[in-house]
C-alpha atoms as a PDB file:
ATOM      1  CA  MET A   1      75.649  92.768 118.612  1.00  0.00           C
ATOM      2  CA  LYS A   2      72.225  93.934 117.505  1.00  0.00           C
ATOM      3  CA  PRO A   3      69.494  94.155 120.176  1.00  0.00           C
ATOM      4  CA  ILE A   4      65.967  93.974 118.783  1.00  0.00           C
ATOM      5  CA  LYS A   5      63.443  95.705 121.039  1.00  0.00           C
ATOM      6  CA  ASN A   6      59.672  95.176 121.141  1.00  0.00           C
ATOM      7  CA  GLN A   7      59.095  98.418 119.246  1.00  0.00           C
ATOM      8  CA  ASP A   8      61.275  97.037 116.419  1.00  0.00           C
ATOM      9  CA  HIS A   9      58.941  94.103 115.743  1.00  0.00           C
ATOM     10  CA  PRO A  10      56.663  94.432 112.712  1.00  0.00           C
ATOM     11  CA  GLN A  11      52.915  94.065 113.054  1.00  0.00           C
ATOM     12  CA  PRO A  12      51.820  90.440 113.469  1.00  0.00           C
ATOM     13  CA  ILE A  13      50.633  88.589 110.385  1.00  0.00           C
ATOM     14  CA  HIS A  14      47.098  87.178 110.729  1.00  0.00           C
ATOM     15  CA  THR A  15      46.668  84.397 108.174  1.00  0.00           C
ATOM     16  CA  PRO A  16      43.303  83.369 106.680  1.00  0.00           C
ATOM     17  CA  SER A  17      43.632  79.997 108.450  1.00  0.00           C
ATOM     18  CA  GLY A  18      43.871  81.692 111.873  1.00  0.00           C
ATOM     19  CA  GLU A  19      47.611  81.731 112.631  1.00  0.00           C
ATOM     20  CA  ILE A  20      49.170  84.784 114.235  1.00  0.00           C
ATOM     21  CA  ILE A  21      52.839  85.143 113.275  1.00  0.00           C
ATOM     22  CA  GLN A  22      55.050  87.705 115.027  1.00  0.00           C
ATOM     23  CA  GLU A  23      58.557  88.105 113.623  1.00  0.00           C
ATOM     24  CA  LEU A  24      60.975  88.628 116.504  1.00  0.00           C
ATOM     25  CA  LEU A  25      64.181  88.659 114.461  1.00  0.00           C
ATOM     26  CA  GLY A  26      64.675  88.516 110.720  1.00  0.00           C
ATOM     27  CA  LEU A  27      64.543  90.507 107.507  1.00  0.00           C
ATOM     28  CA  VAL A  28      61.989  92.999 108.845  1.00  0.00           C
ATOM     29  CA  ALA A  29      62.855  92.876 112.565  1.00  0.00           C
ATOM     30  CA  GLY A  30      66.525  93.772 112.537  1.00  0.00           C
ATOM     31  CA  GLY A  31      67.464  93.355 108.885  1.00  0.00           C
ATOM     32  CA  VAL A  32      68.987  89.926 109.543  1.00  0.00           C
ATOM     33  CA  ASN A  33      69.466  87.725 106.458  1.00  0.00           C
ATOM     34  CA  SER A  34      71.147  84.689 107.999  1.00  0.00           C
ATOM     35  CA  HIS A  35      68.223  83.455 110.114  1.00  0.00           C
ATOM     36  CA  SER A  36      64.887  84.463 111.567  1.00  0.00           C
ATOM     37  CA  LEU A  37      62.862  83.820 114.700  1.00  0.00           C
ATOM     38  CA  ALA A  38      59.100  84.176 115.048  1.00  0.00           C
ATOM     39  CA  ARG A  39      56.462  83.507 117.682  1.00  0.00           C
ATOM     40  CA  VAL A  40      53.507  81.652 116.173  1.00  0.00           C
ATOM     41  CA  THR A  41      50.104  81.347 117.849  1.00  0.00           C
ATOM     42  CA  ILE A  42      47.460  78.943 116.557  1.00  0.00           C
ATOM     43  CA  PRO A  43      44.101  79.236 118.347  1.00  0.00           C
ATOM     44  CA  PRO A  44      42.127  76.126 119.361  1.00  0.00           C
ATOM     45  CA  GLY A  45      40.601  74.293 116.409  1.00  0.00           C
ATOM     46  CA  LYS A  46      42.821  76.047 113.857  1.00  0.00           C
ATOM     47  CA  SER A  47      45.819  75.013 111.762  1.00  0.00           C
ATOM     48  CA  CYS A  48      48.221  76.390 109.222  1.00  0.00           C
ATOM     49  CA  GLN A  49      47.770  75.495 105.576  1.00  0.00           C
ATOM     50  CA  PRO A  50      49.954  72.684 104.206  1.00  0.00           C
ATOM     51  CA  HIS A  51      53.048  74.251 102.704  1.00  0.00           C
ATOM     52  CA  PHE A  52      56.749  73.794 102.048  1.00  0.00           C
ATOM     53  CA  HIS A  53      59.872  75.907 101.742  1.00  0.00           C
ATOM     54  CA  LYS A  54      62.313  75.467  98.870  1.00  0.00           C
ATOM     55  CA  THR A  55      65.372  76.924 100.589  1.00  0.00           C
ATOM     56  CA  SER A  56      64.761  77.283 104.336  1.00  0.00           C
ATOM     57  CA  ASP A  57      65.341  74.855 107.167  1.00  0.00           C
ATOM     58  CA  GLU A  58      62.686  75.534 109.794  1.00  0.00           C
ATOM     59  CA  SER A  59      62.681  74.456 113.440  1.00  0.00           C
ATOM     60  CA  TYR A  60      59.781  74.671 115.882  1.00  0.00           C
ATOM     61  CA  LEU A  61      60.023  74.735 119.666  1.00  0.00           C
ATOM     62  CA  ILE A  62      56.653  74.285 121.364  1.00  0.00           C
ATOM     63  CA  LEU A  63      56.124  76.683 124.289  1.00  0.00           C
ATOM     64  CA  TYR A  64      52.446  76.185 125.200  1.00  0.00           C
ATOM     65  CA  GLY A  65      49.746  73.774 124.095  1.00  0.00           C
ATOM     66  CA  THR A  66      50.039  70.606 122.056  1.00  0.00           C
ATOM     67  CA  ALA A  67      50.915  70.547 118.363  1.00  0.00           C
ATOM     68  CA  THR A  68      49.713  67.857 116.017  1.00  0.00           C
ATOM     69  CA  MET A  69      52.300  67.887 113.246  1.00  0.00           C
ATOM     70  CA  LEU A  70      51.896  66.429 109.782  1.00  0.00           C
ATOM     71  CA  ILE A  71      55.175  66.285 107.839  1.00  0.00           C
ATOM     72  CA  ASN A  72      55.379  64.411 104.537  1.00  0.00           C
ATOM     73  CA  GLY A  73      52.288  62.414 105.509  1.00  0.00           C
ATOM     74  CA  ILE A  74      53.627  61.376 108.933  1.00  0.00           C
ATOM     75  CA  GLU A  75      51.606  62.574 111.934  1.00  0.00           C
ATOM     76  CA  PHE A  76      53.037  63.035 115.414  1.00  0.00           C
ATOM     77  CA  ILE A  77      52.443  65.077 118.568  1.00  0.00           C
ATOM     78  CA  LEU A  78      54.732  67.686 120.127  1.00  0.00           C
ATOM     79  CA  HIS A  79      54.351  68.914 123.714  1.00  0.00           C
ATOM     80  CA  PRO A  80      55.938  71.939 125.426  1.00  0.00           C
ATOM     81  CA  TRP A  81      59.732  72.011 125.150  1.00  0.00           C
ATOM     82  CA  GLU A  82      59.749  69.480 122.311  1.00  0.00           C
ATOM     83  CA  SER A  83      61.008  70.479 118.882  1.00  0.00           C
ATOM     84  CA  VAL A  84      61.131  69.432 115.248  1.00  0.00           C
ATOM     85  CA  LEU A  85      63.363  70.132 112.262  1.00  0.00           C
ATOM     86  CA  ILE A  86      61.566  70.744 108.961  1.00  0.00           C
ATOM     87  CA  GLU A  87      63.920  70.545 105.997  1.00  0.00           C
ATOM     88  CA  PRO A  88      63.530  72.200 102.580  1.00  0.00           C
ATOM     89  CA  MET A  89      60.753  70.619 100.481  1.00  0.00           C
ATOM     90  CA  ASP A  90      59.157  68.902 103.537  1.00  0.00           C
ATOM     91  CA  VAL A  91      55.391  69.383 103.219  1.00  0.00           C
ATOM     92  CA  HIS A  92      54.196  70.355 106.672  1.00  0.00           C
ATOM     93  CA  ARG A  93      51.142  71.444 108.590  1.00  0.00           C
ATOM     94  CA  VAL A  94      50.462  72.175 112.268  1.00  0.00           C
ATOM     95  CA  PHE A  95      47.088  71.584 113.934  1.00  0.00           C
ATOM     96  CA  ASN A  96      45.848  72.761 117.321  1.00  0.00           C
ATOM     97  CA  HIS A  97      43.277  70.199 118.442  1.00  0.00           C
ATOM     98  CA  GLY A  98      43.519  71.412 122.058  1.00  0.00           C
ATOM     99  CA  ASP A  99      41.386  73.849 124.017  1.00  0.00           C
ATOM    100  CA  GLU A 100      44.131  76.450 124.580  1.00  0.00           C
ATOM    101  CA  ASP A 101      46.330  78.463 122.245  1.00  0.00           C
ATOM    102  CA  LEU A 102      49.259  76.617 120.698  1.00  0.00           C
ATOM    103  CA  VAL A 103      52.319  78.883 120.926  1.00  0.00           C
ATOM    104  CA  PHE A 104      55.711  78.021 119.482  1.00  0.00           C
ATOM    105  CA  LEU A 105      58.921  79.584 118.255  1.00  0.00           C
ATOM    106  CA  ALA A 106      59.799  79.088 114.601  1.00  0.00           C
ATOM    107  CA  ALA A 107      63.410  79.570 113.516  1.00  0.00           C
ATOM    108  CA  CYS A 108      64.384  79.632 109.826  1.00  0.00           C
ATOM    109  CA  VAL A 109      67.798  79.422 108.168  1.00  0.00           C
ATOM    110  CA  PRO A 110      68.214  81.492 106.042  1.00  0.00           C
ATOM    111  CA  ALA A 111      65.772  84.139 107.268  1.00  0.00           C
ATOM    112  CA  TRP A 112      62.136  83.493 106.361  1.00  0.00           C
ATOM    113  CA  GLN A 113      60.686  85.481 103.513  1.00  0.00           C
ATOM    114  CA  PRO A 114      57.187  85.252 101.996  1.00  0.00           C
ATOM    115  CA  GLY A 115      58.537  84.083  98.635  1.00  0.00           C
ATOM    116  CA  ASP A 116      59.813  80.838 100.197  1.00  0.00           C
ATOM    117  CA  SER A 117      56.464  79.554 101.534  1.00  0.00           C
ATOM    118  CA  PHE A 118      54.693  77.529  98.854  1.00  0.00           C
ATOM    119  CA  ASP A 119      51.095  76.323  98.952  1.00  0.00           C
ATOM    120  CA  VAL A 120      50.934  72.562  98.404  1.00  0.00           C
ATOM    121  CA  GLU A 121      48.025  72.721  95.948  1.00  0.00           C
ATOM    122  CA  THR A 122      49.152  75.644  93.782  1.00  0.00           C
ATOM    123  CA  HIS A 123      52.935  75.538  94.339  1.00  0.00           C
ATOM    124  CA  GLN A 124      52.700  79.344  94.450  1.00  0.00           C
ATOM    125  CA  PRO A 125      54.167  81.545  97.209  1.00  0.00           C
END
């Protein structure tokens, strides 16, 4: 057992595209290698950049708002309490076209690390 308290969470990551990513459990929050869990907030009118992971499976569970997902060129909508599995090498992007924050949980197996998020255009982490 390994409780992770609020004070154990690292500072949120604010991306240039407007995402706010708060690791709740993972390499930094708890030293867990097997998996990670993060809370992601995307403000209205913002999105994440298109990217892919070479080794991680990633799952999203929408908590608030509506997500417009684009995975491998296929667009679909996710509402609260709906989820998606993103497999390694799936090019994906999340848009918030709504008027409230989009908030979701992102789980990665193995634990997310910056070196496994690759920009679609440059193929660089």
